[in-house]
Amino acid sequence: MSSEPNKPSSPGLPSPETAASIAEVTFVGPVPPPALLEHYNRISPGFAERVINMAEEEALHRRQQENQSLQAQIAAGERQSEANVAHQREVQRAFARETRLGQWLAFCIGIAAIGAGSYVAAREAQVAGAFIGSGGVVGLVSVFIYGRKQRPGA
């Protein structure tokens, strides 16, 4: 025997005083493997059932949360769709108002051109009056025709 107490008795083998083991168990999922559940039950009877109940309750809670999230996303999409429809309606109303205003202003300009042409023609300048009156009307008609050809869907 040697005088050193921690020296191995056989070369390459540890002495019983220094031997140690470490075990690590991992698993994936909410429920441990059956052997581990059986071990839990030996330590504390009914513990395995509590673990399984906890996993079932967690799964139920997760599904409820996912369902609530999905319902919220659907509702948000519906609100967005309603907002888009309302916006489109407002755009159409604004376009109709703008169109009506343009038509009334064109009517006023046409009446003014005809009136000015008639006034000039009555003052002994028939040729100038004809150009003023017909030029204003022809200009407005050409703008209406050209504008409709340029507008998409017209």
N, C-alpha and C. Protein backbone atom coordinates (compact mmCIF):
# COMPACT_ATOMS: atom_id res chain seq x y z
N MET A 1 0.84 -1.18 0.00
CA MET A 1 0.00 0.00 0.00
C MET A 1 0.87 1.23 0.00
N SER A 2 0.36 2.26 -0.57
CA SER A 2 1.13 3.49 -0.64
C SER A 2 0.78 4.39 0.52
N SER A 3 1.62 5.35 0.77
CA SER A 3 1.40 6.25 1.89
C SER A 3 0.40 7.35 1.55
N GLU A 4 0.11 7.59 0.28
CA GLU A 4 -0.85 8.65 -0.11
C GLU A 4 -2.25 8.07 -0.10
N PRO A 5 -3.20 8.71 0.65
CA PRO A 5 -4.54 8.13 0.79
C PRO A 5 -5.38 8.24 -0.49
N ASN A 6 -5.18 9.21 -1.35
CA ASN A 6 -6.03 9.40 -2.54
C ASN A 6 -5.43 8.79 -3.79
N LYS A 7 -4.33 8.10 -3.67
CA LYS A 7 -3.70 7.51 -4.82
C LYS A 7 -4.47 6.24 -5.18
N PRO A 8 -4.76 6.01 -6.47
CA PRO A 8 -5.51 4.82 -6.85
C PRO A 8 -4.73 3.55 -6.51
N SER A 9 -5.50 2.51 -6.15
CA SER A 9 -4.87 1.26 -5.80
C SER A 9 -4.41 0.52 -7.04
N SER A 10 -5.16 0.68 -8.17
CA SER A 10 -4.77 0.08 -9.43
C SER A 10 -4.52 1.20 -10.41
N PRO A 11 -3.54 1.05 -11.24
CA PRO A 11 -3.29 2.12 -12.21
C PRO A 11 -4.46 2.26 -13.18
N GLY A 12 -4.93 3.53 -13.41
CA GLY A 12 -6.01 3.83 -14.36
C GLY A 12 -7.39 3.77 -13.77
N LEU A 13 -7.61 3.25 -12.57
CA LEU A 13 -8.93 3.16 -11.96
C LEU A 13 -9.01 4.11 -10.77
N PRO A 14 -10.11 4.90 -10.69
CA PRO A 14 -10.22 5.78 -9.52
C PRO A 14 -10.56 4.98 -8.28
N SER A 15 -10.21 5.52 -7.15
CA SER A 15 -10.54 4.85 -5.90
C SER A 15 -12.02 5.08 -5.60
N PRO A 16 -12.66 4.27 -4.78
CA PRO A 16 -14.09 4.45 -4.46
C PRO A 16 -14.39 5.78 -3.81
N GLU A 17 -13.44 6.38 -3.15
CA GLU A 17 -13.68 7.65 -2.49
C GLU A 17 -13.82 8.80 -3.48
N THR A 18 -13.25 8.74 -4.66
CA THR A 18 -13.28 9.86 -5.61
C THR A 18 -14.25 9.64 -6.77
N ALA A 19 -14.91 8.54 -6.85
CA ALA A 19 -15.83 8.27 -7.97
C ALA A 19 -17.12 9.04 -7.77
N ALA A 20 -17.63 9.62 -8.86
CA ALA A 20 -18.89 10.37 -8.83
C ALA A 20 -19.58 10.18 -10.18
N SER A 21 -20.88 10.31 -10.17
CA SER A 21 -21.62 10.22 -11.44
C SER A 21 -22.65 11.35 -11.48
N ILE A 22 -22.84 11.82 -12.68
CA ILE A 22 -23.82 12.88 -12.91
C ILE A 22 -24.75 12.39 -14.01
N ALA A 23 -26.03 12.49 -13.75
CA ALA A 23 -27.03 12.08 -14.75
C ALA A 23 -27.93 13.27 -15.05
N GLU A 24 -28.19 13.45 -16.31
CA GLU A 24 -29.07 14.55 -16.73
C GLU A 24 -30.15 13.96 -17.62
N VAL A 25 -31.40 14.32 -17.32
CA VAL A 25 -32.53 13.83 -18.10
C VAL A 25 -33.24 15.04 -18.69
N THR A 26 -33.44 15.01 -19.99
CA THR A 26 -34.18 16.08 -20.65
C THR A 26 -35.30 15.45 -21.46
N PHE A 27 -36.35 16.21 -21.65
CA PHE A 27 -37.46 15.77 -22.49
C PHE A 27 -38.09 16.99 -23.13
N VAL A 28 -38.76 16.75 -24.23
CA VAL A 28 -39.41 17.82 -24.96
C VAL A 28 -40.91 17.59 -24.88
N GLY A 29 -41.63 18.65 -24.58
CA GLY A 29 -43.09 18.54 -24.50
C GLY A 29 -43.58 18.85 -23.11
N PRO A 30 -44.88 18.93 -22.97
CA PRO A 30 -45.43 19.32 -21.67
C PRO A 30 -45.48 18.18 -20.65
N VAL A 31 -45.39 16.92 -21.10
CA VAL A 31 -45.51 15.79 -20.17
C VAL A 31 -44.20 15.01 -20.18
N PRO A 32 -43.65 14.72 -18.98
CA PRO A 32 -42.42 13.92 -18.91
C PRO A 32 -42.67 12.49 -19.37
N PRO A 33 -41.60 11.75 -19.65
CA PRO A 33 -41.76 10.35 -20.06
C PRO A 33 -42.37 9.51 -18.93
N PRO A 34 -43.00 8.40 -19.28
CA PRO A 34 -43.69 7.58 -18.27
C PRO A 34 -42.79 7.14 -17.12
N ALA A 35 -41.53 6.80 -17.39
CA ALA A 35 -40.65 6.36 -16.30
C ALA A 35 -40.45 7.46 -15.28
N LEU A 36 -40.33 8.69 -15.75
CA LEU A 36 -40.15 9.82 -14.83
C LEU A 36 -41.44 10.09 -14.05
N LEU A 37 -42.58 9.94 -14.72
CA LEU A 37 -43.86 10.10 -14.01
C LEU A 37 -44.01 9.04 -12.92
N GLU A 38 -43.60 7.83 -13.22
CA GLU A 38 -43.66 6.75 -12.23
C GLU A 38 -42.75 7.08 -11.04
N HIS A 39 -41.59 7.63 -11.33
CA HIS A 39 -40.66 8.05 -10.27
C HIS A 39 -41.29 9.15 -9.42
N TYR A 40 -41.94 10.13 -10.08
CA TYR A 40 -42.63 11.20 -9.34
C TYR A 40 -43.69 10.62 -8.41
N ASN A 41 -44.45 9.65 -8.90
CA ASN A 41 -45.51 9.04 -8.08
C ASN A 41 -44.94 8.29 -6.89
N ARG A 42 -43.77 7.69 -7.04
CA ARG A 42 -43.15 7.01 -5.90
C ARG A 42 -42.74 8.01 -4.83
N ILE A 43 -42.28 9.19 -5.27
CA ILE A 43 -41.87 10.23 -4.33
C ILE A 43 -43.09 10.84 -3.66
N SER A 44 -44.10 11.19 -4.46
CA SER A 44 -45.31 11.83 -3.93
C SER A 44 -46.51 11.24 -4.69
N PRO A 45 -47.31 10.40 -4.05
CA PRO A 45 -48.44 9.79 -4.74
C PRO A 45 -49.40 10.87 -5.31
N GLY A 46 -49.83 10.67 -6.56
CA GLY A 46 -50.74 11.61 -7.22
C GLY A 46 -50.03 12.74 -7.94
N PHE A 47 -48.71 12.83 -7.80
CA PHE A 47 -47.97 13.94 -8.43
C PHE A 47 -48.01 13.84 -9.95
N ALA A 48 -47.92 12.63 -10.49
CA ALA A 48 -47.95 12.46 -11.95
C ALA A 48 -49.28 12.94 -12.51
N GLU A 49 -50.36 12.65 -11.83
CA GLU A 49 -51.68 13.11 -12.28
C GLU A 49 -51.76 14.63 -12.26
N ARG A 50 -51.18 15.25 -11.25
CA ARG A 50 -51.17 16.72 -11.20
C ARG A 50 -50.36 17.30 -12.34
N VAL A 51 -49.24 16.68 -12.70
CA VAL A 51 -48.42 17.15 -13.82
C VAL A 51 -49.21 17.05 -15.12
N ILE A 52 -49.89 15.93 -15.32
CA ILE A 52 -50.68 15.75 -16.55
C ILE A 52 -51.84 16.75 -16.59
N ASN A 53 -52.51 16.95 -15.46
CA ASN A 53 -53.60 17.95 -15.41
C ASN A 53 -53.08 19.34 -15.73
N MET A 54 -51.91 19.66 -15.19
CA MET A 54 -51.31 20.98 -15.46
C MET A 54 -51.03 21.14 -16.96
N ALA A 55 -50.51 20.08 -17.59
CA ALA A 55 -50.22 20.14 -19.03
C ALA A 55 -51.51 20.30 -19.83
N GLU A 56 -52.57 19.59 -19.44
CA GLU A 56 -53.85 19.71 -20.14
C GLU A 56 -54.43 21.11 -19.99
N GLU A 57 -54.36 21.66 -18.77
CA GLU A 57 -54.87 23.02 -18.54
C GLU A 57 -54.07 24.05 -19.33
N GLU A 58 -52.77 23.87 -19.40
CA GLU A 58 -51.92 24.79 -20.17
C GLU A 58 -52.27 24.72 -21.65
N ALA A 59 -52.48 23.52 -22.17
CA ALA A 59 -52.85 23.37 -23.59
C ALA A 59 -54.20 24.03 -23.86
N LEU A 60 -55.16 23.84 -22.96
CA LEU A 60 -56.47 24.48 -23.12
C LEU A 60 -56.34 26.00 -23.09
N HIS A 61 -55.56 26.50 -22.15
CA HIS A 61 -55.35 27.95 -22.06
C HIS A 61 -54.69 28.49 -23.32
N ARG A 62 -53.68 27.78 -23.84
CA ARG A 62 -53.00 28.22 -25.06
C ARG A 62 -53.96 28.26 -26.24
N ARG A 63 -54.81 27.25 -26.38
CA ARG A 63 -55.79 27.24 -27.48
C ARG A 63 -56.79 28.39 -27.33
N GLN A 64 -57.21 28.68 -26.10
CA GLN A 64 -58.13 29.80 -25.89
C GLN A 64 -57.46 31.13 -26.27
N GLN A 65 -56.19 31.30 -25.88
CA GLN A 65 -55.47 32.52 -26.23
C GLN A 65 -55.31 32.66 -27.74
N GLU A 66 -54.99 31.55 -28.41
CA GLU A 66 -54.85 31.58 -29.87
C GLU A 66 -56.19 31.93 -30.54
N ASN A 67 -57.27 31.39 -30.00
CA ASN A 67 -58.60 31.68 -30.54
C ASN A 67 -58.96 33.15 -30.35
N GLN A 68 -58.67 33.69 -29.17
CA GLN A 68 -58.93 35.11 -28.93
C GLN A 68 -58.10 35.98 -29.85
N SER A 69 -56.85 35.61 -30.05
CA SER A 69 -55.97 36.37 -30.95
C SER A 69 -56.51 36.32 -32.37
N LEU A 70 -56.94 35.16 -32.81
CA LEU A 70 -57.49 35.02 -34.15
C LEU A 70 -58.76 35.85 -34.31
N GLN A 71 -59.64 35.80 -33.31
CA GLN A 71 -60.87 36.60 -33.37
C GLN A 71 -60.56 38.09 -33.42
N ALA A 72 -59.55 38.52 -32.67
CA ALA A 72 -59.17 39.94 -32.69
C ALA A 72 -58.62 40.33 -34.05
N GLN A 73 -57.84 39.45 -34.68
CA GLN A 73 -57.31 39.74 -36.01
C GLN A 73 -58.43 39.81 -37.04
N ILE A 74 -59.41 38.92 -36.93
CA ILE A 74 -60.55 38.95 -37.85
C ILE A 74 -61.33 40.24 -37.68
N ALA A 75 -61.59 40.63 -36.43
CA ALA A 75 -62.34 41.86 -36.17
C ALA A 75 -61.58 43.08 -36.69
N ALA A 76 -60.27 43.08 -36.51
CA ALA A 76 -59.46 44.21 -37.00
C ALA A 76 -59.51 44.27 -38.52
N GLY A 77 -59.47 43.12 -39.17
CA GLY A 77 -59.57 43.09 -40.62
C GLY A 77 -60.91 43.59 -41.11
N GLU A 78 -61.99 43.23 -40.39
CA GLU A 78 -63.32 43.72 -40.77
C GLU A 78 -63.42 45.22 -40.59
N ARG A 79 -62.85 45.73 -39.48
CA ARG A 79 -62.88 47.18 -39.27
C ARG A 79 -62.09 47.90 -40.35
N GLN A 80 -60.95 47.33 -40.73
CA GLN A 80 -60.13 47.93 -41.78
C GLN A 80 -60.89 47.92 -43.10
N SER A 81 -61.57 46.82 -43.38
CA SER A 81 -62.34 46.71 -44.61
C SER A 81 -63.47 47.74 -44.63
N GLU A 82 -64.16 47.88 -43.49
CA GLU A 82 -65.23 48.88 -43.40
C GLU A 82 -64.66 50.29 -43.58
N ALA A 83 -63.51 50.54 -43.01
CA ALA A 83 -62.88 51.87 -43.15
C ALA A 83 -62.50 52.11 -44.61
N ASN A 84 -62.01 51.08 -45.29
CA ASN A 84 -61.66 51.24 -46.71
C ASN A 84 -62.89 51.55 -47.55
N VAL A 85 -64.01 50.86 -47.26
CA VAL A 85 -65.24 51.11 -48.01
C VAL A 85 -65.73 52.53 -47.75
N ALA A 86 -65.69 52.97 -46.49
CA ALA A 86 -66.12 54.33 -46.15
C ALA A 86 -65.23 55.36 -46.84
N HIS A 87 -63.93 55.10 -46.87
CA HIS A 87 -63.00 56.02 -47.53
C HIS A 87 -63.29 56.08 -49.03
N GLN A 88 -63.55 54.93 -49.64
CA GLN A 88 -63.85 54.89 -51.07
C GLN A 88 -65.12 55.67 -51.38
N ARG A 89 -66.13 55.53 -50.51
CA ARG A 89 -67.37 56.29 -50.70
C ARG A 89 -67.10 57.79 -50.62
N GLU A 90 -66.28 58.20 -49.66
CA GLU A 90 -65.97 59.62 -49.51
C GLU A 90 -65.21 60.15 -50.73
N VAL A 91 -64.31 59.35 -51.24
CA VAL A 91 -63.57 59.74 -52.45
C VAL A 91 -64.53 59.91 -53.63
N GLN A 92 -65.48 58.99 -53.76
CA GLN A 92 -66.46 59.09 -54.84
C GLN A 92 -67.33 60.34 -54.68
N ARG A 93 -67.74 60.63 -53.44
CA ARG A 93 -68.56 61.83 -53.20
C ARG A 93 -67.77 63.10 -53.55
N ALA A 94 -66.50 63.13 -53.14
CA ALA A 94 -65.67 64.30 -53.43
C ALA A 94 -65.49 64.47 -54.94
N PHE A 95 -65.31 63.36 -55.65
CA PHE A 95 -65.17 63.43 -57.10
C PHE A 95 -66.46 63.94 -57.74
N ALA A 96 -67.61 63.48 -57.25
CA ALA A 96 -68.89 63.94 -57.79
C ALA A 96 -69.09 65.44 -57.52
N ARG A 97 -68.73 65.90 -56.30
CA ARG A 97 -68.84 67.33 -55.99
C ARG A 97 -67.93 68.15 -56.90
N GLU A 98 -66.72 67.67 -57.10
CA GLU A 98 -65.78 68.39 -57.95
C GLU A 98 -66.28 68.43 -59.40
N THR A 99 -66.85 67.35 -59.85
CA THR A 99 -67.39 67.30 -61.22
C THR A 99 -68.55 68.28 -61.38
N ARG A 100 -69.46 68.28 -60.41
CA ARG A 100 -70.60 69.22 -60.48
C ARG A 100 -70.14 70.67 -60.44
N LEU A 101 -69.16 70.97 -59.59
CA LEU A 101 -68.65 72.34 -59.52
C LEU A 101 -68.02 72.74 -60.85
N GLY A 102 -67.23 71.83 -61.44
CA GLY A 102 -66.62 72.11 -62.74
C GLY A 102 -67.67 72.35 -63.81
N GLN A 103 -68.74 71.59 -63.78
CA GLN A 103 -69.80 71.78 -64.78
C GLN A 103 -70.49 73.13 -64.60
N TRP A 104 -70.76 73.51 -63.36
CA TRP A 104 -71.42 74.81 -63.12
C TRP A 104 -70.50 75.96 -63.53
N LEU A 105 -69.21 75.85 -63.21
CA LEU A 105 -68.28 76.91 -63.60
C LEU A 105 -68.15 76.98 -65.13
N ALA A 106 -68.12 75.83 -65.80
CA ALA A 106 -68.06 75.83 -67.27
C ALA A 106 -69.32 76.45 -67.85
N PHE A 107 -70.47 76.15 -67.25
CA PHE A 107 -71.72 76.76 -67.72
C PHE A 107 -71.67 78.28 -67.58
N CYS A 108 -71.16 78.75 -66.45
CA CYS A 108 -71.06 80.20 -66.23
C CYS A 108 -70.09 80.85 -67.23
N ILE A 109 -68.96 80.19 -67.48
CA ILE A 109 -68.00 80.73 -68.45
C ILE A 109 -68.62 80.75 -69.84
N GLY A 110 -69.33 79.70 -70.22
CA GLY A 110 -69.99 79.65 -71.53
C GLY A 110 -71.03 80.75 -71.68
N ILE A 111 -71.85 80.96 -70.65
CA ILE A 111 -72.86 82.03 -70.70
C ILE A 111 -72.17 83.38 -70.80
N ALA A 112 -71.06 83.55 -70.03
CA ALA A 112 -70.34 84.83 -70.08
C ALA A 112 -69.74 85.05 -71.47
N ALA A 113 -69.19 84.00 -72.10
CA ALA A 113 -68.61 84.14 -73.44
C ALA A 113 -69.70 84.49 -74.46
N ILE A 114 -70.84 83.81 -74.36
CA ILE A 114 -71.94 84.11 -75.29
C ILE A 114 -72.45 85.52 -75.05
N GLY A 115 -72.59 85.89 -73.78
CA GLY A 115 -73.05 87.24 -73.45
C GLY A 115 -72.09 88.30 -73.95
N ALA A 116 -70.77 88.08 -73.73
CA ALA A 116 -69.77 89.05 -74.18
C ALA A 116 -69.76 89.13 -75.70
N GLY A 117 -69.86 87.98 -76.38
CA GLY A 117 -69.90 87.99 -77.84
C GLY A 117 -71.13 88.71 -78.37
N SER A 118 -72.27 88.50 -77.71
CA SER A 118 -73.51 89.18 -78.13
C SER A 118 -73.39 90.69 -77.91
N TYR A 119 -72.80 91.08 -76.79
CA TYR A 119 -72.65 92.50 -76.49
C TYR A 119 -71.75 93.18 -77.53
N VAL A 120 -70.60 92.51 -77.84
CA VAL A 120 -69.68 93.08 -78.82
C VAL A 120 -70.34 93.11 -80.20
N ALA A 121 -71.08 92.07 -80.55
CA ALA A 121 -71.75 92.03 -81.85
C ALA A 121 -72.82 93.12 -81.94
N ALA A 122 -73.50 93.43 -80.84
CA ALA A 122 -74.53 94.47 -80.84
C ALA A 122 -73.90 95.86 -80.96
N ARG A 123 -72.62 96.01 -80.66
CA ARG A 123 -71.92 97.30 -80.74
C ARG A 123 -71.26 97.49 -82.11
N GLU A 124 -71.76 96.88 -83.10
CA GLU A 124 -71.31 97.05 -84.49
C GLU A 124 -70.00 96.33 -84.79
N ALA A 125 -69.66 95.25 -84.03
CA ALA A 125 -68.47 94.45 -84.34
C ALA A 125 -68.89 92.98 -84.36
N GLN A 126 -69.67 92.66 -85.42
CA GLN A 126 -70.23 91.32 -85.49
C GLN A 126 -69.16 90.22 -85.59
N VAL A 127 -68.12 90.47 -86.34
CA VAL A 127 -67.07 89.45 -86.52
C VAL A 127 -66.36 89.20 -85.18
N ALA A 128 -66.01 90.26 -84.48
CA ALA A 128 -65.34 90.11 -83.18
C ALA A 128 -66.28 89.43 -82.18
N GLY A 129 -67.55 89.79 -82.17
CA GLY A 129 -68.53 89.17 -81.27
C GLY A 129 -68.69 87.69 -81.56
N ALA A 130 -68.69 87.33 -82.85
CA ALA A 130 -68.81 85.92 -83.23
C ALA A 130 -67.60 85.13 -82.75
N PHE A 131 -66.40 85.71 -82.92
CA PHE A 131 -65.19 85.03 -82.44
C PHE A 131 -65.19 84.87 -80.92
N ILE A 132 -65.59 85.91 -80.21
CA ILE A 132 -65.61 85.85 -78.73
C ILE A 132 -66.62 84.81 -78.26
N GLY A 133 -67.83 84.87 -78.77
CA GLY A 133 -68.90 83.95 -78.34
C GLY A 133 -68.60 82.52 -78.73
N SER A 134 -68.25 82.30 -79.99
CA SER A 134 -68.02 80.92 -80.44
C SER A 134 -66.70 80.37 -79.89
N GLY A 135 -65.69 81.22 -79.73
CA GLY A 135 -64.41 80.77 -79.18
C GLY A 135 -64.54 80.25 -77.75
N GLY A 136 -65.33 80.96 -76.94
CA GLY A 136 -65.55 80.51 -75.56
C GLY A 136 -66.28 79.18 -75.52
N VAL A 137 -67.32 79.04 -76.35
CA VAL A 137 -68.10 77.79 -76.35
C VAL A 137 -67.28 76.64 -76.92
N VAL A 138 -66.60 76.87 -78.04
CA VAL A 138 -65.77 75.81 -78.63
C VAL A 138 -64.65 75.40 -77.67
N GLY A 139 -64.06 76.35 -76.99
CA GLY A 139 -63.02 76.03 -76.01
C GLY A 139 -63.55 75.14 -74.89
N LEU A 140 -64.73 75.46 -74.37
CA LEU A 140 -65.30 74.64 -73.31
C LEU A 140 -65.65 73.25 -73.80
N VAL A 141 -66.24 73.16 -74.98
CA VAL A 141 -66.60 71.84 -75.53
C VAL A 141 -65.35 71.00 -75.74
N SER A 142 -64.28 71.61 -76.28
CA SER A 142 -63.05 70.85 -76.51
C SER A 142 -62.42 70.39 -75.19
N VAL A 143 -62.50 71.20 -74.14
CA VAL A 143 -61.97 70.79 -72.83
C VAL A 143 -62.77 69.62 -72.28
N PHE A 144 -64.09 69.65 -72.42
CA PHE A 144 -64.92 68.54 -71.95
C PHE A 144 -64.58 67.26 -72.71
N ILE A 145 -64.47 67.35 -74.02
CA ILE A 145 -64.18 66.16 -74.83
C ILE A 145 -62.77 65.66 -74.53
N TYR A 146 -61.78 66.51 -74.51
CA TYR A 146 -60.40 66.12 -74.24
C TYR A 146 -60.26 65.57 -72.83
N GLY A 147 -60.93 66.21 -71.86
CA GLY A 147 -60.87 65.76 -70.48
C GLY A 147 -61.49 64.39 -70.31
N ARG A 148 -62.57 64.07 -70.98
CA ARG A 148 -63.19 62.74 -70.88
C ARG A 148 -62.32 61.67 -71.50
N LYS A 149 -61.60 62.00 -72.56
CA LYS A 149 -60.72 61.01 -73.18
C LYS A 149 -59.50 60.72 -72.29
N GLN A 150 -59.05 61.70 -71.56
CA GLN A 150 -57.88 61.53 -70.69
C GLN A 150 -58.21 60.81 -69.40
N ARG A 151 -59.44 60.92 -68.89
CA ARG A 151 -59.83 60.33 -67.62
C ARG A 151 -60.02 58.82 -67.80
N PRO A 152 -59.45 57.99 -66.93
CA PRO A 152 -59.62 56.55 -67.06
C PRO A 152 -61.08 56.15 -66.83
N GLY A 153 -61.56 55.22 -67.60
CA GLY A 153 -62.94 54.72 -67.44
C GLY A 153 -63.96 55.60 -68.09
N ALA A 154 -63.56 56.65 -68.80
CA ALA A 154 -64.53 57.53 -69.42
C ALA A 154 -64.88 57.06 -70.81
